[in-house]
PDB file of N, CA and C in Angstrom:
ATOM      1  N   MET A   1       8.164 -16.931  55.273  1.00  0.00           N
ATOM      2  CA  MET A   1       7.274 -16.176  54.436  1.00  0.00           C
ATOM      3  C   MET A   1       7.431 -16.672  53.003  1.00  0.00           C
ATOM      4  N   SER A   2       6.340 -17.030  52.377  1.00  0.00           N
ATOM      5  CA  SER A   2       6.415 -17.516  50.997  1.00  0.00           C
ATOM      6  C   SER A   2       5.943 -16.428  50.039  1.00  0.00           C
ATOM      7  N   PHE A   3       6.487 -16.490  48.834  1.00  0.00           N
ATOM      8  CA  PHE A   3       6.125 -15.537  47.799  1.00  0.00           C
ATOM      9  C   PHE A   3       4.791 -15.925  47.197  1.00  0.00           C
ATOM     10  N   GLN A   4       3.901 -14.965  47.109  1.00  0.00           N
ATOM     11  CA  GLN A   4       2.622 -15.187  46.447  1.00  0.00           C
ATOM     12  C   GLN A   4       2.475 -14.163  45.331  1.00  0.00           C
ATOM     13  N   PRO A   5       2.239 -14.631  44.107  1.00  0.00           N
ATOM     14  CA  PRO A   5       2.091 -13.687  42.999  1.00  0.00           C
ATOM     15  C   PRO A   5       0.905 -12.765  43.224  1.00  0.00           C
ATOM     16  N   ARG A   6       1.068 -11.523  42.836  1.00  0.00           N
ATOM     17  CA  ARG A   6      -0.023 -10.562  42.961  1.00  0.00           C
ATOM     18  C   ARG A   6      -1.043 -10.805  41.865  1.00  0.00           C
ATOM     19  N   GLU A   7      -2.270 -10.718  42.228  1.00  0.00           N
ATOM     20  CA  GLU A   7      -3.341 -10.868  41.251  1.00  0.00           C
ATOM     21  C   GLU A   7      -3.744  -9.477  40.759  1.00  0.00           C
ATOM     22  N   ASN A   8      -4.381  -9.429  39.622  1.00  0.00           N
ATOM     23  CA  ASN A   8      -4.882  -8.189  39.030  1.00  0.00           C
ATOM     24  C   ASN A   8      -3.775  -7.224  38.621  1.00  0.00           C
ATOM     25  N   VAL A   9      -2.571  -7.712  38.393  1.00  0.00           N
ATOM     26  CA  VAL A   9      -1.493  -6.874  37.876  1.00  0.00           C
ATOM     27  C   VAL A   9      -1.382  -7.158  36.387  1.00  0.00           C
ATOM     28  N   PRO A  10      -1.498  -6.129  35.558  1.00  0.00           N
ATOM     29  CA  PRO A  10      -1.416  -6.361  34.116  1.00  0.00           C
ATOM     30  C   PRO A  10      -0.098  -7.030  33.736  1.00  0.00           C
ATOM     31  N   GLN A  11      -0.184  -7.962  32.802  1.00  0.00           N
ATOM     32  CA  GLN A  11       1.018  -8.682  32.382  1.00  0.00           C
ATOM     33  C   GLN A  11       2.050  -7.748  31.802  1.00  0.00           C
ATOM     34  N   ASN A  12       1.613  -6.730  31.087  1.00  0.00           N
ATOM     35  CA  ASN A  12       2.573  -5.866  30.446  1.00  0.00           C
ATOM     36  C   ASN A  12       2.400  -4.422  30.904  1.00  0.00           C
ATOM     37  N   LEU A  13       2.742  -4.182  32.151  1.00  0.00           N
ATOM     38  CA  LEU A  13       2.598  -2.859  32.742  1.00  0.00           C
ATOM     39  C   LEU A  13       3.459  -1.823  32.016  1.00  0.00           C
ATOM     40  N   HIS A  14       4.639  -2.216  31.567  1.00  0.00           N
ATOM     41  CA  HIS A  14       5.549  -1.314  30.851  1.00  0.00           C
ATOM     42  C   HIS A  14       4.876  -0.793  29.581  1.00  0.00           C
ATOM     43  N   GLN A  15       4.282  -1.674  28.826  1.00  0.00           N
ATOM     44  CA  GLN A  15       3.594  -1.294  27.595  1.00  0.00           C
ATOM     45  C   GLN A  15       2.397  -0.399  27.909  1.00  0.00           C
ATOM     46  N   GLN A  16       1.666  -0.733  28.933  1.00  0.00           N
ATOM     47  CA  GLN A  16       0.502   0.054  29.325  1.00  0.00           C
ATOM     48  C   GLN A  16       0.930   1.468  29.740  1.00  0.00           C
ATOM     49  N   GLN A  17       2.061   1.572  30.426  1.00  0.00           N
ATOM     50  CA  GLN A  17       2.569   2.880  30.821  1.00  0.00           C
ATOM     51  C   GLN A  17       2.966   3.700  29.584  1.00  0.00           C
ATOM     52  N   GLY A  18       3.550   3.044  28.587  1.00  0.00           N
ATOM     53  CA  GLY A  18       3.895   3.735  27.349  1.00  0.00           C
ATOM     54  C   GLY A  18       2.672   4.304  26.658  1.00  0.00           C
ATOM     55  N   VAL A  19       1.601   3.543  26.623  1.00  0.00           N
ATOM     56  CA  VAL A  19       0.347   4.014  26.016  1.00  0.00           C
ATOM     57  C   VAL A  19      -0.206   5.189  26.828  1.00  0.00           C
ATOM     58  N   ASN A  20      -0.108   5.122  28.153  1.00  0.00           N
ATOM     59  CA  ASN A  20      -0.547   6.239  28.997  1.00  0.00           C
ATOM     60  C   ASN A  20       0.251   7.500  28.689  1.00  0.00           C
ATOM     61  N   HIS A  21       1.567   7.362  28.525  1.00  0.00           N
ATOM     62  CA  HIS A  21       2.400   8.516  28.169  1.00  0.00           C
ATOM     63  C   HIS A  21       1.965   9.095  26.828  1.00  0.00           C
ATOM     64  N   LEU A  22       1.694   8.238  25.848  1.00  0.00           N
ATOM     65  CA  LEU A  22       1.253   8.717  24.538  1.00  0.00           C
ATOM     66  C   LEU A  22      -0.061   9.488  24.644  1.00  0.00           C
ATOM     67  N   ASN A  23      -0.984   9.001  25.439  1.00  0.00           N
ATOM     68  CA  ASN A  23      -2.249   9.720  25.627  1.00  0.00           C
ATOM     69  C   ASN A  23      -2.018  11.086  26.253  1.00  0.00           C
ATOM     70  N   ARG A  24      -1.104  11.168  27.204  1.00  0.00           N
ATOM     71  CA  ARG A  24      -0.789  12.457  27.835  1.00  0.00           C
ATOM     72  C   ARG A  24      -0.142  13.409  26.827  1.00  0.00           C
ATOM     73  N   VAL A  25       0.757  12.867  26.008  1.00  0.00           N
ATOM     74  CA  VAL A  25       1.407  13.679  24.976  1.00  0.00           C
ATOM     75  C   VAL A  25       0.351  14.258  24.037  1.00  0.00           C
ATOM     76  N   LEU A  26      -0.584  13.431  23.591  1.00  0.00           N
ATOM     77  CA  LEU A  26      -1.629  13.901  22.684  1.00  0.00           C
ATOM     78  C   LEU A  26      -2.496  14.972  23.338  1.00  0.00           C
ATOM     79  N   GLY A  27      -2.737  14.834  24.625  1.00  0.00           N
ATOM     80  CA  GLY A  27      -3.536  15.822  25.335  1.00  0.00           C
ATOM     81  C   GLY A  27      -2.813  17.143  25.541  1.00  0.00           C
ATOM     82  N   TYR A  28      -1.489  17.102  25.568  1.00  0.00           N
ATOM     83  CA  TYR A  28      -0.686  18.286  25.835  1.00  0.00           C
ATOM     84  C   TYR A  28      -0.217  18.989  24.559  1.00  0.00           C
ATOM     85  N   ALA A  29       0.025  18.254  23.512  1.00  0.00           N
ATOM     86  CA  ALA A  29       0.682  18.783  22.314  1.00  0.00           C
ATOM     87  C   ALA A  29      -0.028  20.002  21.731  1.00  0.00           C
ATOM     88  N   HIS A  30      -1.343  20.034  21.779  1.00  0.00           N
ATOM     89  CA  HIS A  30      -2.056  21.178  21.194  1.00  0.00           C
ATOM     90  C   HIS A  30      -1.723  22.487  21.915  1.00  0.00           C
ATOM     91  N   LEU A  31      -1.254  22.401  23.152  1.00  0.00           N
ATOM     92  CA  LEU A  31      -0.904  23.608  23.908  1.00  0.00           C
ATOM     93  C   LEU A  31       0.395  24.242  23.423  1.00  0.00           C
ATOM     94  N   VAL A  32       1.262  23.440  22.808  1.00  0.00           N
ATOM     95  CA  VAL A  32       2.557  23.948  22.344  1.00  0.00           C
ATOM     96  C   VAL A  32       2.684  23.873  20.817  1.00  0.00           C
ATOM     97  N   GLU A  33       1.603  23.569  20.149  1.00  0.00           N
ATOM     98  CA  GLU A  33       1.605  23.406  18.689  1.00  0.00           C
ATOM     99  C   GLU A  33       1.714  24.764  17.997  1.00  0.00           C
ATOM    100  N   VAL A  34       2.556  24.815  16.973  1.00  0.00           N
ATOM    101  CA  VAL A  34       2.695  25.999  16.129  1.00  0.00           C
ATOM    102  C   VAL A  34       2.658  25.523  14.677  1.00  0.00           C
ATOM    103  N   ASP A  35       1.686  25.992  13.946  1.00  0.00           N
ATOM    104  CA  ASP A  35       1.542  25.639  12.520  1.00  0.00           C
ATOM    105  C   ASP A  35       1.550  24.131  12.286  1.00  0.00           C
ATOM    106  N   GLY A  36       0.827  23.391  13.105  1.00  0.00           N
ATOM    107  CA  GLY A  36       0.694  21.953  12.906  1.00  0.00           C
ATOM    108  C   GLY A  36       1.848  21.114  13.412  1.00  0.00           C
ATOM    109  N   HIS A  37       2.795  21.729  14.136  1.00  0.00           N
ATOM    110  CA  HIS A  37       3.948  20.986  14.658  1.00  0.00           C
ATOM    111  C   HIS A  37       4.130  21.301  16.140  1.00  0.00           C
ATOM    112  N   ALA A  38       4.356  20.255  16.926  1.00  0.00           N
ATOM    113  CA  ALA A  38       4.609  20.426  18.354  1.00  0.00           C
ATOM    114  C   ALA A  38       5.836  19.617  18.748  1.00  0.00           C
ATOM    115  N   THR A  39       6.604  20.152  19.680  1.00  0.00           N
ATOM    116  CA  THR A  39       7.702  19.398  20.283  1.00  0.00           C
ATOM    117  C   THR A  39       7.368  19.228  21.750  1.00  0.00           C
ATOM    118  N   VAL A  40       7.361  17.979  22.194  1.00  0.00           N
ATOM    119  CA  VAL A  40       7.059  17.655  23.586  1.00  0.00           C
ATOM    120  C   VAL A  40       8.296  16.994  24.177  1.00  0.00           C
ATOM    121  N   TYR A  41       8.708  17.485  25.332  1.00  0.00           N
ATOM    122  CA  TYR A  41       9.903  16.954  25.996  1.00  0.00           C
ATOM    123  C   TYR A  41       9.481  16.011  27.105  1.00  0.00           C
ATOM    124  N   LEU A  42      10.092  14.835  27.108  1.00  0.00           N
ATOM    125  CA  LEU A  42       9.840  13.820  28.129  1.00  0.00           C
ATOM    126  C   LEU A  42      11.123  13.559  28.905  1.00  0.00           C
ATOM    127  N   SER A  43      10.978  13.104  30.139  1.00  0.00           N
ATOM    128  CA  SER A  43      12.158  12.654  30.875  1.00  0.00           C
ATOM    129  C   SER A  43      12.766  11.493  30.096  1.00  0.00           C
ATOM    130  N   ALA A  44      14.041  11.231  30.314  1.00  0.00           N
ATOM    131  CA  ALA A  44      14.707  10.127  29.616  1.00  0.00           C
ATOM    132  C   ALA A  44      13.979   8.812  29.879  1.00  0.00           C
ATOM    133  N   GLU A  45      13.564   8.602  31.111  1.00  0.00           N
ATOM    134  CA  GLU A  45      12.875   7.357  31.458  1.00  0.00           C
ATOM    135  C   GLU A  45      11.550   7.229  30.699  1.00  0.00           C
ATOM    136  N   ASP A  46      10.759   8.292  30.684  1.00  0.00           N
ATOM    137  CA  ASP A  46       9.470   8.245  29.989  1.00  0.00           C
ATOM    138  C   ASP A  46       9.657   8.091  28.481  1.00  0.00           C
ATOM    139  N   TRP A  47      10.663   8.780  27.913  1.00  0.00           N
ATOM    140  CA  TRP A  47      10.943   8.661  26.488  1.00  0.00           C
ATOM    141  C   TRP A  47      11.277   7.216  26.128  1.00  0.00           C
ATOM    142  N   HIS A  48      12.082   6.566  26.960  1.00  0.00           N
ATOM    143  CA  HIS A  48      12.457   5.173  26.686  1.00  0.00           C
ATOM    144  C   HIS A  48      11.267   4.225  26.827  1.00  0.00           C
ATOM    145  N   VAL A  49      10.366   4.504  27.750  1.00  0.00           N
ATOM    146  CA  VAL A  49       9.161   3.681  27.883  1.00  0.00           C
ATOM    147  C   VAL A  49       8.319   3.793  26.606  1.00  0.00           C
ATOM    148  N   VAL A  50       8.168   5.017  26.095  1.00  0.00           N
ATOM    149  CA  VAL A  50       7.421   5.220  24.848  1.00  0.00           C
ATOM    150  C   VAL A  50       8.130   4.521  23.686  1.00  0.00           C
ATOM    151  N   ALA A  51       9.449   4.685  23.601  1.00  0.00           N
ATOM    152  CA  ALA A  51      10.212   4.043  22.522  1.00  0.00           C
ATOM    153  C   ALA A  51      10.068   2.527  22.586  1.00  0.00           C
ATOM    154  N   ASP A  52      10.170   1.955  23.778  1.00  0.00           N
ATOM    155  CA  ASP A  52       9.980   0.505  23.920  1.00  0.00           C
ATOM    156  C   ASP A  52       8.596   0.093  23.440  1.00  0.00           C
ATOM    157  N   THR A  53       7.590   0.848  23.850  1.00  0.00           N
ATOM    158  CA  THR A  53       6.213   0.522  23.482  1.00  0.00           C
ATOM    159  C   THR A  53       6.024   0.555  21.968  1.00  0.00           C
ATOM    160  N   LEU A  54       6.598   1.547  21.314  1.00  0.00           N
ATOM    161  CA  LEU A  54       6.407   1.694  19.871  1.00  0.00           C
ATOM    162  C   LEU A  54       7.291   0.780  19.038  1.00  0.00           C
ATOM    163  N   PHE A  55       8.545   0.556  19.483  1.00  0.00           N
ATOM    164  CA  PHE A  55       9.522  -0.086  18.605  1.00  0.00           C
ATOM    165  C   PHE A  55      10.048  -1.433  19.086  1.00  0.00           C
ATOM    166  N   ASN A  56       9.883  -1.762  20.344  1.00  0.00           N
ATOM    167  CA  ASN A  56      10.520  -2.971  20.868  1.00  0.00           C
ATOM    168  C   ASN A  56       9.572  -4.011  21.439  1.00  0.00           C
ATOM    169  N   MET A  57       8.301  -3.706  21.518  1.00  0.00           N
ATOM    170  CA  MET A  57       7.395  -4.605  22.222  1.00  0.00           C
ATOM    171  C   MET A  57       6.299  -5.202  21.350  1.00  0.00           C
ATOM    172  N   GLU A  58       6.379  -4.993  20.047  1.00  0.00           N
ATOM    173  CA  GLU A  58       5.356  -5.519  19.140  1.00  0.00           C
ATOM    174  C   GLU A  58       3.948  -5.126  19.586  1.00  0.00           C
ATOM    175  N   THR A  59       3.818  -3.868  19.980  1.00  0.00           N
ATOM    176  CA  THR A  59       2.531  -3.348  20.428  1.00  0.00           C
ATOM    177  C   THR A  59       1.583  -3.262  19.238  1.00  0.00           C
ATOM    178  N   PRO A  60       0.422  -3.884  19.330  1.00  0.00           N
ATOM    179  CA  PRO A  60      -0.531  -3.794  18.211  1.00  0.00           C
ATOM    180  C   PRO A  60      -1.050  -2.367  18.052  1.00  0.00           C
ATOM    181  N   ASP A  61      -1.265  -1.959  16.811  1.00  0.00           N
ATOM    182  CA  ASP A  61      -1.785  -0.616  16.546  1.00  0.00           C
ATOM    183  C   ASP A  61      -3.116  -0.387  17.256  1.00  0.00           C
ATOM    184  N   SER A  62      -3.881  -1.423  17.455  1.00  0.00           N
ATOM    185  CA  SER A  62      -5.189  -1.289  18.101  1.00  0.00           C
ATOM    186  C   SER A  62      -5.084  -0.842  19.556  1.00  0.00           C
ATOM    187  N   VAL A  63      -3.907  -0.981  20.168  1.00  0.00           N
ATOM    188  CA  VAL A  63      -3.698  -0.580  21.556  1.00  0.00           C
ATOM    189  C   VAL A  63      -3.279   0.888  21.641  1.00  0.00           C
ATOM    190  N   LEU A  64      -2.699   1.405  20.570  1.00  0.00           N
ATOM    191  CA  LEU A  64      -2.213   2.782  20.555  1.00  0.00           C
ATOM    192  C   LEU A  64      -3.382   3.751  20.417  1.00  0.00           C
ATOM    193  N   PRO A  65      -3.191   5.001  20.870  1.00  0.00           N
ATOM    194  CA  PRO A  65      -4.253   5.997  20.700  1.00  0.00           C
ATOM    195  C   PRO A  65      -4.644   6.126  19.227  1.00  0.00           C
ATOM    196  N   GLN A  66      -5.931   6.213  18.971  1.00  0.00           N
ATOM    197  CA  GLN A  66      -6.449   6.232  17.601  1.00  0.00           C
ATOM    198  C   GLN A  66      -5.948   7.409  16.790  1.00  0.00           C
ATOM    199  N   ASN A  67      -5.628   8.513  17.434  1.00  0.00           N
ATOM    200  CA  ASN A  67      -5.201   9.721  16.728  1.00  0.00           C
ATOM    201  C   ASN A  67      -3.814   9.572  16.095  1.00  0.00           C
ATOM    202  N   ILE A  68      -3.040   8.589  16.511  1.00  0.00           N
ATOM    203  CA  ILE A  68      -1.710   8.393  15.937  1.00  0.00           C
ATOM    204  C   ILE A  68      -1.850   7.639  14.615  1.00  0.00           C
ATOM    205  N   GLN A  69      -1.464   8.304  13.533  1.00  0.00           N
ATOM    206  CA  GLN A  69      -1.564   7.704  12.208  1.00  0.00           C
ATOM    207  C   GLN A  69      -0.294   6.937  11.845  1.00  0.00           C
ATOM    208  N   SER A  70       0.858   7.475  12.249  1.00  0.00           N
ATOM    209  CA  SER A  70       2.132   6.796  11.999  1.00  0.00           C
ATOM    210  C   SER A  70       3.170   7.340  12.976  1.00  0.00           C
ATOM    211  N   TYR A  71       4.281   6.626  13.067  1.00  0.00           N
ATOM    212  CA  TYR A  71       5.367   7.056  13.947  1.00  0.00           C
ATOM    213  C   TYR A  71       6.676   6.500  13.415  1.00  0.00           C
ATOM    214  N   ARG A  72       7.747   7.204  13.779  1.00  0.00           N
ATOM    215  CA  ARG A  72       9.076   6.772  13.362  1.00  0.00           C
ATOM    216  C   ARG A  72      10.106   7.442  14.262  1.00  0.00           C
ATOM    217  N   ARG A  73      11.331   6.943  14.177  1.00  0.00           N
ATOM    218  CA  ARG A  73      12.455   7.599  14.840  1.00  0.00           C
ATOM    219  C   ARG A  73      13.180   8.435  13.796  1.00  0.00           C
ATOM    220  N   LYS A  74      13.748   9.556  14.245  1.00  0.00           N
ATOM    221  CA  LYS A  74      14.516  10.400  13.331  1.00  0.00           C
ATOM    222  C   LYS A  74      15.650  11.065  14.110  1.00  0.00           C
ATOM    223  N   ASP A  75      16.473  11.815  13.405  1.00  0.00           N
ATOM    224  CA  ASP A  75      17.612  12.512  14.025  1.00  0.00           C
ATOM    225  C   ASP A  75      18.473  11.547  14.824  1.00  0.00           C
ATOM    226  N   ASP A  76      19.050  10.577  14.107  1.00  0.00           N
ATOM    227  CA  ASP A  76      19.895   9.548  14.734  1.00  0.00           C
ATOM    228  C   ASP A  76      19.168   8.803  15.847  1.00  0.00           C
ATOM    229  N   GLU A  77      17.868   8.611  15.644  1.00  0.00           N
ATOM    230  CA  GLU A  77      17.002   7.871  16.567  1.00  0.00           C
ATOM    231  C   GLU A  77      16.848   8.537  17.924  1.00  0.00           C
ATOM    232  N   GLN A  78      17.115   9.834  18.007  1.00  0.00           N
ATOM    233  CA  GLN A  78      16.989  10.576  19.255  1.00  0.00           C
ATOM    234  C   GLN A  78      15.628  11.256  19.406  1.00  0.00           C
ATOM    235  N   VAL A  79      14.851  11.272  18.327  1.00  0.00           N
ATOM    236  CA  VAL A  79      13.538  11.909  18.332  1.00  0.00           C
ATOM    237  C   VAL A  79      12.516  10.905  17.822  1.00  0.00           C
ATOM    238  N   ILE A  80      11.385  10.850  18.487  1.00  0.00           N
ATOM    239  CA  ILE A  80      10.257  10.035  18.025  1.00  0.00           C
ATOM    240  C   ILE A  80       9.254  11.000  17.406  1.00  0.00           C
ATOM    241  N   GLU A  81       8.927  10.758  16.151  1.00  0.00           N
ATOM    242  CA  GLU A  81       7.967  11.597  15.444  1.00  0.00           C
ATOM    243  C   GLU A  81       6.631  10.872  15.366  1.00  0.00           C
ATOM    244  N   LEU A  82       5.587  11.539  15.823  1.00  0.00           N
ATOM    245  CA  LEU A  82       4.225  11.012  15.737  1.00  0.00           C
ATOM    246  C   LEU A  82       3.465  11.844  14.717  1.00  0.00           C
ATOM    247  N   LYS A  83       2.853  11.203  13.747  1.00  0.00           N
ATOM    248  CA  LYS A  83       1.965  11.912  12.830  1.00  0.00           C
ATOM    249  C   LYS A  83       0.544  11.627  13.282  1.00  0.00           C
ATOM    250  N   THR A  84      -0.202  12.708  13.474  1.00  0.00           N
ATOM    251  CA  THR A  84      -1.583  12.592  13.921  1.00  0.00           C
ATOM    252  C   THR A  84      -2.487  13.309  12.924  1.00  0.00           C
ATOM    253  N   SER A  85      -3.762  13.177  13.115  1.00  0.00           N
ATOM    254  CA  SER A  85      -4.698  13.886  12.245  1.00  0.00           C
ATOM    255  C   SER A  85      -4.605  15.399  12.449  1.00  0.00           C
ATOM    256  N   ASP A  86      -4.008  15.823  13.555  1.00  0.00           N
ATOM    257  CA  ASP A  86      -3.877  17.250  13.854  1.00  0.00           C
ATOM    258  C   ASP A  86      -2.536  17.836  13.452  1.00  0.00           C
ATOM    259  N   GLY A  87      -1.554  16.996  13.133  1.00  0.00           N
ATOM    260  CA  GLY A  87      -0.239  17.501  12.766  1.00  0.00           C
ATOM    261  C   GLY A  87       0.861  16.533  13.159  1.00  0.00           C
ATOM    262  N   VAL A  88       2.033  17.085  13.410  1.00  0.00           N
ATOM    263  CA  VAL A  88       3.208  16.290  13.732  1.00  0.00           C
ATOM    264  C   VAL A  88       3.680  16.647  15.139  1.00  0.00           C
ATOM    265  N   ILE A  89       4.026  15.625  15.913  1.00  0.00           N
ATOM    266  CA  ILE A  89       4.557  15.815  17.258  1.00  0.00           C
ATOM    267  C   ILE A  89       5.913  15.144  17.331  1.00  0.00           C
ATOM    268  N   ASP A  90       6.913  15.907  17.743  1.00  0.00           N
ATOM    269  CA  ASP A  90       8.234  15.347  18.004  1.00  0.00           C
ATOM    270  C   ASP A  90       8.395  15.139  19.496  1.00  0.00           C
ATOM    271  N   LEU A  91       8.804  13.946  19.885  1.00  0.00           N
ATOM    272  CA  LEU A  91       9.093  13.639  21.287  1.00  0.00           C
ATOM    273  C   LEU A  91      10.586  13.647  21.474  1.00  0.00           C
ATOM    274  N   GLU A  92      11.051  14.506  22.360  1.00  0.00           N
ATOM    275  CA  GLU A  92      12.474  14.618  22.648  1.00  0.00           C
ATOM    276  C   GLU A  92      12.717  14.417  24.132  1.00  0.00           C
ATOM    277  N   MET A  93      13.932  13.959  24.455  1.00  0.00           N
ATOM    278  CA  MET A  93      14.322  13.800  25.860  1.00  0.00           C
ATOM    279  C   MET A  93      14.768  15.146  26.411  1.00  0.00           C
ATOM    280  N   MET A  94      14.428  15.389  27.660  1.00  0.00           N
ATOM    281  CA  MET A  94      14.909  16.602  28.352  1.00  0.00           C
ATOM    282  C   MET A  94      16.369  16.427  28.681  1.00  0.00           C
TER     283      MET A  94
END
């Protein structure tokens, strides 16, 4: 049996998954938002995928959801802060 590469598999599935997580976070954050601030908890694995996408993969801003205006790590790099047009979202690990 010989190995045949799969066709139609995105080259950077990890990055694409990170963007998908960010879109889900943006869709959910308004449900837990209080006075313009939301905290969203992700599994450790999902948090690391998002962190890789934002900080380790040279992801172009054009690929990220448009609502994200800026992002940074804070609290000894344990929290990812997203600033959006609607407020601030902190991403924390469960």
